[in-house]
Each structure stands twice: as structure tokens, then as C-alpha cells.
Amino acid sequence: MKAVLAGLITALGTALVIMPLFAFDLITMPEPPSQAFAETLLGPVHPYVGFLFHVGYVTVVAGGFLIAVGRRPSILKIAAWSIGLWTFAMISFFPIIGWGVAGATVRSSVALGAIGPHVTFGAILWAASRLVFRAHEATPSHNVVA
């Protein structure tokens, strides 16, 4: 449950940072990827649906990571996970939502614009894992579920 809580904190914290950046056109993506994904699956939808997709995806990805690697992973493990997610987004997720590999069909700067949200994700995941799991709770990943 604590891993899911840390994932939820990460999802909401990331959204709080990223949403204003989209609102003021400070990110070089045409729309939030979660909104584009929701619209790819469901057609035109309210932005709250995209937000819910974001919260669900980030909660699962962050919580699952904590379950897999341990309660208080190092910043290096979190950085590697963030880079891995960015790479996954570039080569598979962006083409699914119609942006092409690394967003090349939209504009050349989409790949760079996606780095900031992934760095934000990593920073908030690191902080959330420390907030939810105290130092005495740090254990190997095989003990997280117990």
C-alpha cells in the first residue's frame, strides 16, 4: 500500500508541476501525452480524462518500480528508471499517439520537451519514496510486498 501511496504522490506532484507548464506553453509538446493517449483510445475527451490517465499510469509505474527495486531506491536507480521511461515514450508511446518516433512528426523539439517531465518524475519519486518509507523501513525488493 505504501508503494502505491508513493506512486500516487508522484503522480499528483508531477501533475502539479507540469500542468502549469503546458498551460503557459512552456513545454514543446502539442498537448499532454496522457491527453493524447486518452483521445487516441476514446476520441475527443475532457482534459480531466487525460489527467486521470496520467494519475493512473504514473501511480502504476512509480509504485511498481518501488515494489520491484525496494522501498528507498538510490537516486541512480531512479534516474535510470526515468531515462528508461523517456526512451520507452520516444520509441513506442509517442508513435502510438501519432507523434512519431521521438515526436518527429509533430516537431523536432518534442523529445527535448519530454525530458523535463521525466526529470520531474524522478525527483518527485525519490522524495515520495523517502517521505513514505522511513530509513528504518529500507529493505531489499523481495521484502516489499510482505
Protein backbone atom coordinates (compact mmCIF):
# COMPACT_ATOMS: atom_id res chain seq x y z
CA MET A 1 0.00 0.00 0.00
CA LYS A 2 2.84 2.39 0.78
CA ALA A 3 4.36 1.84 -2.68
CA VAL A 4 1.01 2.76 -4.25
CA LEU A 5 0.80 5.81 -1.99
CA ALA A 6 4.29 6.90 -3.07
CA GLY A 7 3.19 6.37 -6.69
CA LEU A 8 0.08 8.48 -6.17
CA ILE A 9 2.11 11.26 -4.54
CA THR A 10 4.48 11.10 -7.52
CA ALA A 11 1.59 11.28 -9.99
CA LEU A 12 -0.10 14.23 -8.31
CA GLY A 13 3.17 16.06 -7.64
CA THR A 14 4.30 15.66 -11.23
CA ALA A 15 0.94 16.93 -12.47
CA LEU A 16 1.13 19.97 -10.19
CA VAL A 17 4.49 20.91 -11.70
CA ILE A 18 3.78 20.02 -15.33
CA MET A 19 0.21 21.28 -15.81
CA PRO A 20 1.10 24.99 -15.47
CA LEU A 21 3.97 24.49 -17.91
CA PHE A 22 1.51 23.18 -20.50
CA ALA A 23 -0.98 25.95 -19.69
CA PHE A 24 1.64 28.62 -20.44
CA ASP A 25 3.10 26.79 -23.48
CA LEU A 26 6.46 26.30 -21.79
CA ILE A 27 6.74 22.65 -22.87
CA THR A 28 7.41 21.91 -26.54
CA MET A 29 4.75 19.21 -26.83
CA PRO A 30 1.44 19.97 -28.52
CA GLU A 31 -0.58 18.63 -25.56
CA PRO A 32 -0.02 16.46 -22.51
CA PRO A 33 0.80 12.94 -23.74
CA SER A 34 -1.77 11.45 -21.36
CA GLN A 35 -4.47 13.57 -23.01
CA ALA A 36 -3.29 12.49 -26.46
CA PHE A 37 -3.35 8.86 -25.34
CA ALA A 38 -6.86 9.17 -23.90
CA GLU A 39 -8.03 10.73 -27.16
CA THR A 40 -6.31 8.01 -29.20
CA LEU A 41 -8.25 5.38 -27.27
CA LEU A 42 -11.56 7.17 -26.69
CA GLY A 43 -11.81 10.03 -29.18
CA PRO A 44 -12.24 13.62 -28.02
CA VAL A 45 -12.47 13.71 -24.23
CA HIS A 46 -12.46 16.28 -21.45
CA PRO A 47 -8.98 17.17 -20.11
CA TYR A 48 -9.90 15.55 -16.79
CA VAL A 49 -9.87 12.19 -18.57
CA GLY A 50 -6.29 12.83 -19.67
CA PHE A 51 -5.45 13.82 -16.11
CA LEU A 52 -6.92 10.55 -14.81
CA PHE A 53 -4.90 8.62 -17.40
CA HIS A 54 -1.78 10.43 -16.13
CA VAL A 55 -2.56 9.68 -12.48
CA GLY A 56 -3.27 6.03 -13.20
CA TYR A 57 -0.20 5.47 -15.37
CA VAL A 58 2.26 7.29 -13.12
CA THR A 59 0.88 5.64 -9.97
CA VAL A 60 1.32 2.18 -11.50
CA VAL A 61 4.75 2.91 -12.99
CA ALA A 62 6.12 4.53 -9.82
CA GLY A 63 4.52 2.12 -7.35
CA GLY A 64 5.51 -0.89 -9.43
CA PHE A 65 9.08 0.38 -9.59
CA LEU A 66 9.23 0.67 -5.80
CA ILE A 67 7.85 -2.83 -5.41
CA ALA A 68 10.41 -4.17 -7.88
CA VAL A 69 13.57 -2.44 -6.64
CA GLY A 70 12.90 -1.64 -2.99
CA ARG A 71 11.39 0.97 -0.76
CA ARG A 72 14.06 3.68 -0.86
CA PRO A 73 15.90 3.29 -4.15
CA SER A 74 19.04 5.28 -4.84
CA ILE A 75 18.88 8.38 -6.97
CA LEU A 76 20.87 6.47 -9.61
CA LYS A 77 18.24 3.72 -9.83
CA ILE A 78 15.50 6.33 -10.11
CA ALA A 79 17.47 8.25 -12.76
CA ALA A 80 17.94 5.04 -14.76
CA TRP A 81 14.20 4.32 -14.47
CA SER A 82 13.33 7.86 -15.60
CA ILE A 83 15.66 7.58 -18.60
CA GLY A 84 14.18 4.19 -19.42
CA LEU A 85 10.65 5.60 -19.32
CA TRP A 86 11.70 8.53 -21.50
CA THR A 87 13.24 6.11 -24.01
CA PHE A 88 10.09 3.97 -23.96
CA ALA A 89 7.98 7.06 -24.59
CA MET A 90 10.16 8.11 -27.52
CA ILE A 91 10.19 4.78 -29.36
CA SER A 92 6.79 3.30 -28.59
CA PHE A 93 4.37 5.59 -26.77
CA PHE A 94 4.77 8.67 -28.98
CA PRO A 95 4.21 6.68 -32.19
CA ILE A 96 1.03 5.18 -30.66
CA ILE A 97 -0.42 8.66 -30.08
CA GLY A 98 0.53 9.75 -33.60
CA TRP A 99 3.59 11.84 -32.83
CA GLY A 100 6.09 9.51 -34.48
CA VAL A 101 9.38 8.29 -33.04
CA ALA A 102 10.68 10.94 -30.63
CA GLY A 103 7.80 13.20 -31.68
CA ALA A 104 9.42 13.79 -35.07
CA THR A 105 6.11 14.12 -36.93
CA VAL A 106 4.99 16.92 -34.61
CA ARG A 107 8.14 18.99 -34.18
CA SER A 108 11.79 18.27 -33.63
CA SER A 109 11.85 19.66 -30.09
CA VAL A 110 9.24 17.26 -28.65
CA ALA A 111 11.88 14.78 -27.48
CA LEU A 112 13.69 17.55 -25.59
CA GLY A 113 10.42 18.81 -24.16
CA ALA A 114 9.72 15.36 -22.76
CA ILE A 115 12.95 15.31 -20.75
CA GLY A 116 11.73 17.86 -18.18
CA PRO A 117 8.64 15.90 -17.12
CA HIS A 118 10.74 12.75 -16.74
CA VAL A 119 13.33 14.55 -14.60
CA THR A 120 10.47 15.96 -12.53
CA PHE A 121 9.01 12.45 -12.20
CA GLY A 122 12.35 11.12 -10.93
CA ALA A 123 12.84 13.90 -8.41
CA ILE A 124 9.34 13.58 -7.01
CA LEU A 125 9.53 9.77 -6.93
CA TRP A 126 12.78 9.99 -4.97
CA ALA A 127 11.22 12.45 -2.50
CA ALA A 128 7.98 10.45 -2.21
CA SER A 129 9.87 7.23 -1.51
CA ARG A 130 11.73 8.96 1.32
CA LEU A 131 8.55 10.53 2.66
CA VAL A 132 6.50 7.33 2.67
CA PHE A 133 9.24 4.86 3.63
CA ARG A 134 11.37 5.92 6.59
CA ALA A 135 15.06 4.97 6.73
CA HIS A 136 14.45 2.03 9.07
CA GLU A 137 11.98 0.61 6.51
CA ALA A 138 14.52 0.34 3.68
CA THR A 139 14.63 -3.30 2.64
CA PRO A 140 15.54 -5.37 -0.37
CA SER A 141 12.86 -5.54 -3.04
CA HIS A 142 11.88 -9.13 -2.18
CA ASN A 143 10.55 -7.90 1.18
CA VAL A 144 8.42 -5.01 -0.13
CA VAL A 145 5.23 -6.98 -0.66
CA ALA A 146 5.34 -8.63 2.78
